[in-house]
Amino acid sequence: MANRRIEGNFSQGWGVAAFITLLAIGLYVGAGVFKKYTFRSPNDVTAPAAKAESH
């Protein structure tokens, strides 16, 4: 009874793991592209100026 060997099946789930990994990489790249085309620095001279407050 002590010599009983239990075989493990460790090949399951790799498809789902690969899908999640590729999805995360795709979202990361997509966010980078989105930021590249939409981000404007606060020091950008072409940004609209804030209206001056009058007292």
PDB file of N, CA and C in Angstrom:
ATOM      1  N   MET A   1       0.813  -1.186   0.000  1.00  0.00           N
ATOM      2  CA  MET A   1       0.000   0.000   0.000  1.00  0.00           C
ATOM      3  C   MET A   1       0.866   1.264   0.000  1.00  0.00           C
ATOM      4  N   ALA A   2       2.040   1.219   0.568  1.00  0.00           N
ATOM      5  CA  ALA A   2       2.920   2.379   0.628  1.00  0.00           C
ATOM      6  C   ALA A   2       3.574   2.655  -0.722  1.00  0.00           C
ATOM      7  N   ASN A   3       3.633   1.648  -1.599  1.00  0.00           N
ATOM      8  CA  ASN A   3       4.261   1.810  -2.902  1.00  0.00           C
ATOM      9  C   ASN A   3       3.272   2.257  -3.982  1.00  0.00           C
ATOM     10  N   ARG A   4       2.099   2.644  -3.605  1.00  0.00           N
ATOM     11  CA  ARG A   4       1.092   3.053  -4.568  1.00  0.00           C
ATOM     12  C   ARG A   4       1.477   4.384  -5.190  1.00  0.00           C
ATOM     13  N   ARG A   5       1.439   4.470  -6.506  1.00  0.00           N
ATOM     14  CA  ARG A   5       1.830   5.685  -7.216  1.00  0.00           C
ATOM     15  C   ARG A   5       0.594   6.330  -7.834  1.00  0.00           C
ATOM     16  N   ILE A   6       0.468   7.619  -7.629  1.00  0.00           N
ATOM     17  CA  ILE A   6      -0.663   8.355  -8.191  1.00  0.00           C
ATOM     18  C   ILE A   6      -0.135   9.221  -9.329  1.00  0.00           C
ATOM     19  N   GLU A   7      -0.647   8.982 -10.512  1.00  0.00           N
ATOM     20  CA  GLU A   7      -0.234   9.752 -11.684  1.00  0.00           C
ATOM     21  C   GLU A   7      -0.970  11.096 -11.689  1.00  0.00           C
ATOM     22  N   GLY A   8      -0.234  12.152 -12.007  1.00  0.00           N
ATOM     23  CA  GLY A   8      -0.836  13.476 -12.094  1.00  0.00           C
ATOM     24  C   GLY A   8      -1.007  13.889 -13.549  1.00  0.00           C
ATOM     25  N   ASN A   9      -2.083  14.569 -13.828  1.00  0.00           N
ATOM     26  CA  ASN A   9      -2.323  15.081 -15.177  1.00  0.00           C
ATOM     27  C   ASN A   9      -2.173  16.597 -15.106  1.00  0.00           C
ATOM     28  N   PHE A  10      -0.991  17.085 -15.492  1.00  0.00           N
ATOM     29  CA  PHE A  10      -0.693  18.506 -15.365  1.00  0.00           C
ATOM     30  C   PHE A  10      -0.770  19.254 -16.689  1.00  0.00           C
ATOM     31  N   SER A  11      -1.340  18.628 -17.701  1.00  0.00           N
ATOM     32  CA  SER A  11      -1.402  19.277 -19.014  1.00  0.00           C
ATOM     33  C   SER A  11      -2.738  19.975 -19.254  1.00  0.00           C
ATOM     34  N   GLN A  12      -3.593  19.987 -18.290  1.00  0.00           N
ATOM     35  CA  GLN A  12      -4.900  20.618 -18.468  1.00  0.00           C
ATOM     36  C   GLN A  12      -4.824  22.095 -18.114  1.00  0.00           C
ATOM     37  N   GLY A  13      -5.565  22.901 -18.834  1.00  0.00           N
ATOM     38  CA  GLY A  13      -5.667  24.313 -18.499  1.00  0.00           C
ATOM     39  C   GLY A  13      -4.686  25.216 -19.212  1.00  0.00           C
ATOM     40  N   TRP A  14      -3.788  24.671 -20.037  1.00  0.00           N
ATOM     41  CA  TRP A  14      -2.803  25.511 -20.715  1.00  0.00           C
ATOM     42  C   TRP A  14      -3.449  26.399 -21.765  1.00  0.00           C
ATOM     43  N   GLY A  15      -4.523  25.943 -22.387  1.00  0.00           N
ATOM     44  CA  GLY A  15      -5.212  26.770 -23.375  1.00  0.00           C
ATOM     45  C   GLY A  15      -5.823  28.006 -22.735  1.00  0.00           C
ATOM     46  N   VAL A  16      -6.453  27.824 -21.606  1.00  0.00           N
ATOM     47  CA  VAL A  16      -7.054  28.950 -20.888  1.00  0.00           C
ATOM     48  C   VAL A  16      -5.963  29.889 -20.376  1.00  0.00           C
ATOM     49  N   ALA A  17      -4.876  29.333 -19.869  1.00  0.00           N
ATOM     50  CA  ALA A  17      -3.773  30.164 -19.381  1.00  0.00           C
ATOM     51  C   ALA A  17      -3.161  30.981 -20.517  1.00  0.00           C
ATOM     52  N   ALA A  18      -3.003  30.368 -21.676  1.00  0.00           N
ATOM     53  CA  ALA A  18      -2.457  31.091 -22.829  1.00  0.00           C
ATOM     54  C   ALA A  18      -3.416  32.185 -23.278  1.00  0.00           C
ATOM     55  N   PHE A  19      -4.713  31.900 -23.275  1.00  0.00           N
ATOM     56  CA  PHE A  19      -5.702  32.905 -23.664  1.00  0.00           C
ATOM     57  C   PHE A  19      -5.672  34.101 -22.712  1.00  0.00           C
ATOM     58  N   ILE A  20      -5.640  33.855 -21.427  1.00  0.00           N
ATOM     59  CA  ILE A  20      -5.603  34.936 -20.430  1.00  0.00           C
ATOM     60  C   ILE A  20      -4.328  35.749 -20.581  1.00  0.00           C
ATOM     61  N   THR A  21      -3.202  35.089 -20.809  1.00  0.00           N
ATOM     62  CA  THR A  21      -1.935  35.792 -20.976  1.00  0.00           C
ATOM     63  C   THR A  21      -1.957  36.671 -22.221  1.00  0.00           C
ATOM     64  N   LEU A  22      -2.429  36.118 -23.338  1.00  0.00           N
ATOM     65  CA  LEU A  22      -2.511  36.909 -24.573  1.00  0.00           C
ATOM     66  C   LEU A  22      -3.506  38.059 -24.432  1.00  0.00           C
ATOM     67  N   LEU A  23      -4.598  37.821 -23.727  1.00  0.00           N
ATOM     68  CA  LEU A  23      -5.571  38.892 -23.491  1.00  0.00           C
ATOM     69  C   LEU A  23      -4.943  40.020 -22.677  1.00  0.00           C
ATOM     70  N   ALA A  24      -4.201  39.678 -21.640  1.00  0.00           N
ATOM     71  CA  ALA A  24      -3.545  40.695 -20.805  1.00  0.00           C
ATOM     72  C   ALA A  24      -2.517  41.476 -21.610  1.00  0.00           C
ATOM     73  N   ILE A  25      -1.735  40.794 -22.432  1.00  0.00           N
ATOM     74  CA  ILE A  25      -0.738  41.475 -23.263  1.00  0.00           C
ATOM     75  C   ILE A  25      -1.430  42.394 -24.265  1.00  0.00           C
ATOM     76  N   GLY A  26      -2.502  41.918 -24.879  1.00  0.00           N
ATOM     77  CA  GLY A  26      -3.241  42.736 -25.843  1.00  0.00           C
ATOM     78  C   GLY A  26      -3.835  43.980 -25.208  1.00  0.00           C
ATOM     79  N   LEU A  27      -4.396  43.840 -24.022  1.00  0.00           N
ATOM     80  CA  LEU A  27      -4.967  44.999 -23.329  1.00  0.00           C
ATOM     81  C   LEU A  27      -3.878  45.987 -22.915  1.00  0.00           C
ATOM     82  N   TYR A  28      -2.727  45.487 -22.512  1.00  0.00           N
ATOM     83  CA  TYR A  28      -1.601  46.347 -22.132  1.00  0.00           C
ATOM     84  C   TYR A  28      -1.122  47.157 -23.336  1.00  0.00           C
ATOM     85  N   VAL A  29      -0.963  46.484 -24.470  1.00  0.00           N
ATOM     86  CA  VAL A  29      -0.531  47.172 -25.687  1.00  0.00           C
ATOM     87  C   VAL A  29      -1.605  48.159 -26.138  1.00  0.00           C
ATOM     88  N   GLY A  30      -2.861  47.750 -26.080  1.00  0.00           N
ATOM     89  CA  GLY A  30      -3.957  48.643 -26.466  1.00  0.00           C
ATOM     90  C   GLY A  30      -4.013  49.896 -25.608  1.00  0.00           C
ATOM     91  N   ALA A  31      -3.797  49.741 -24.313  1.00  0.00           N
ATOM     92  CA  ALA A  31      -3.797  50.909 -23.424  1.00  0.00           C
ATOM     93  C   ALA A  31      -2.630  51.830 -23.749  1.00  0.00           C
ATOM     94  N   GLY A  32      -1.493  51.258 -24.090  1.00  0.00           N
ATOM     95  CA  GLY A  32      -0.342  52.078 -24.463  1.00  0.00           C
ATOM     96  C   GLY A  32      -0.590  52.860 -25.736  1.00  0.00           C
ATOM     97  N   VAL A  33      -1.209  52.220 -26.723  1.00  0.00           N
ATOM     98  CA  VAL A  33      -1.524  52.907 -27.983  1.00  0.00           C
ATOM     99  C   VAL A  33      -2.563  54.005 -27.736  1.00  0.00           C
ATOM    100  N   PHE A  34      -3.577  53.696 -26.935  1.00  0.00           N
ATOM    101  CA  PHE A  34      -4.615  54.685 -26.617  1.00  0.00           C
ATOM    102  C   PHE A  34      -3.999  55.902 -25.929  1.00  0.00           C
ATOM    103  N   LYS A  35      -3.107  55.658 -24.969  1.00  0.00           N
ATOM    104  CA  LYS A  35      -2.461  56.766 -24.260  1.00  0.00           C
ATOM    105  C   LYS A  35      -1.590  57.581 -25.213  1.00  0.00           C
ATOM    106  N   LYS A  36      -0.892  56.908 -26.113  1.00  0.00           N
ATOM    107  CA  LYS A  36       0.004  57.602 -27.037  1.00  0.00           C
ATOM    108  C   LYS A  36      -0.755  58.618 -27.889  1.00  0.00           C
ATOM    109  N   TYR A  37      -1.959  58.271 -28.308  1.00  0.00           N
ATOM    110  CA  TYR A  37      -2.709  59.144 -29.201  1.00  0.00           C
ATOM    111  C   TYR A  37      -3.640  60.119 -28.485  1.00  0.00           C
ATOM    112  N   THR A  38      -3.872  59.945 -27.187  1.00  0.00           N
ATOM    113  CA  THR A  38      -4.814  60.822 -26.495  1.00  0.00           C
ATOM    114  C   THR A  38      -4.199  61.657 -25.383  1.00  0.00           C
ATOM    115  N   PHE A  39      -3.044  61.289 -24.857  1.00  0.00           N
ATOM    116  CA  PHE A  39      -2.462  61.999 -23.719  1.00  0.00           C
ATOM    117  C   PHE A  39      -1.854  63.320 -24.161  1.00  0.00           C
ATOM    118  N   ARG A  40      -2.172  64.357 -23.403  1.00  0.00           N
ATOM    119  CA  ARG A  40      -1.545  65.661 -23.627  1.00  0.00           C
ATOM    120  C   ARG A  40      -0.937  66.121 -22.316  1.00  0.00           C
ATOM    121  N   SER A  41       0.328  66.465 -22.375  1.00  0.00           N
ATOM    122  CA  SER A  41       1.049  66.877 -21.187  1.00  0.00           C
ATOM    123  C   SER A  41       0.464  68.174 -20.634  1.00  0.00           C
ATOM    124  N   PRO A  42       0.505  68.361 -19.327  1.00  0.00           N
ATOM    125  CA  PRO A  42       0.065  69.635 -18.754  1.00  0.00           C
ATOM    126  C   PRO A  42       0.931  70.805 -19.232  1.00  0.00           C
ATOM    127  N   ASN A  43       2.120  70.536 -19.705  1.00  0.00           N
ATOM    128  CA  ASN A  43       3.011  71.580 -20.199  1.00  0.00           C
ATOM    129  C   ASN A  43       2.864  71.806 -21.704  1.00  0.00           C
ATOM    130  N   ASP A  44       1.889  71.165 -22.320  1.00  0.00           N
ATOM    131  CA  ASP A  44       1.666  71.281 -23.761  1.00  0.00           C
ATOM    132  C   ASP A  44       1.170  72.694 -24.091  1.00  0.00           C
ATOM    133  N   VAL A  45       1.887  73.384 -24.981  1.00  0.00           N
ATOM    134  CA  VAL A  45       1.506  74.761 -25.317  1.00  0.00           C
ATOM    135  C   VAL A  45       0.274  74.804 -26.204  1.00  0.00           C
ATOM    136  N   THR A  46      -0.098  73.691 -26.835  1.00  0.00           N
ATOM    137  CA  THR A  46      -1.296  73.682 -27.678  1.00  0.00           C
ATOM    138  C   THR A  46      -2.549  73.342 -26.891  1.00  0.00           C
ATOM    139  N   ALA A  47      -2.411  73.034 -25.608  1.00  0.00           N
ATOM    140  CA  ALA A  47      -3.569  72.721 -24.769  1.00  0.00           C
ATOM    141  C   ALA A  47      -4.363  74.005 -24.526  1.00  0.00           C
ATOM    142  N   PRO A  48      -5.673  73.891 -24.420  1.00  0.00           N
ATOM    143  CA  PRO A  48      -6.468  75.103 -24.150  1.00  0.00           C
ATOM    144  C   PRO A  48      -6.116  75.688 -22.782  1.00  0.00           C
ATOM    145  N   ALA A  49      -5.989  76.983 -22.746  1.00  0.00           N
ATOM    146  CA  ALA A  49      -5.619  77.663 -21.503  1.00  0.00           C
ATOM    147  C   ALA A  49      -6.839  77.780 -20.596  1.00  0.00           C
ATOM    148  N   ALA A  50      -6.591  77.720 -19.315  1.00  0.00           N
ATOM    149  CA  ALA A  50      -7.667  77.893 -18.332  1.00  0.00           C
ATOM    150  C   ALA A  50      -8.077  79.370 -18.324  1.00  0.00           C
ATOM    151  N   LYS A  51      -9.353  79.603 -18.124  1.00  0.00           N
ATOM    152  CA  LYS A  51      -9.835  80.981 -18.069  1.00  0.00           C
ATOM    153  C   LYS A  51      -9.338  81.639 -16.784  1.00  0.00           C
ATOM    154  N   ALA A  52      -8.912  82.878 -16.919  1.00  0.00           N
ATOM    155  CA  ALA A  52      -8.441  83.620 -15.764  1.00  0.00           C
ATOM    156  C   ALA A  52      -9.628  84.016 -14.888  1.00  0.00           C
ATOM    157  N   GLU A  53      -9.443  83.903 -13.583  1.00  0.00           N
ATOM    158  CA  GLU A  53     -10.505  84.282 -12.674  1.00  0.00           C
ATOM    159  C   GLU A  53     -10.473  85.793 -12.434  1.00  0.00           C
ATOM    160  N   SER A  54     -11.627  86.412 -12.436  1.00  0.00           N
ATOM    161  CA  SER A  54     -11.679  87.850 -12.158  1.00  0.00           C
ATOM    162  C   SER A  54     -12.316  88.058 -10.786  1.00  0.00           C
ATOM    163  N   HIS A  55     -11.699  88.920 -10.018  1.00  0.00           N
ATOM    164  CA  HIS A  55     -12.222  89.196  -8.670  1.00  0.00           C
ATOM    165  C   HIS A  55     -12.897  90.515  -8.631  1.00  0.00           C
TER     166      HIS A  55
END
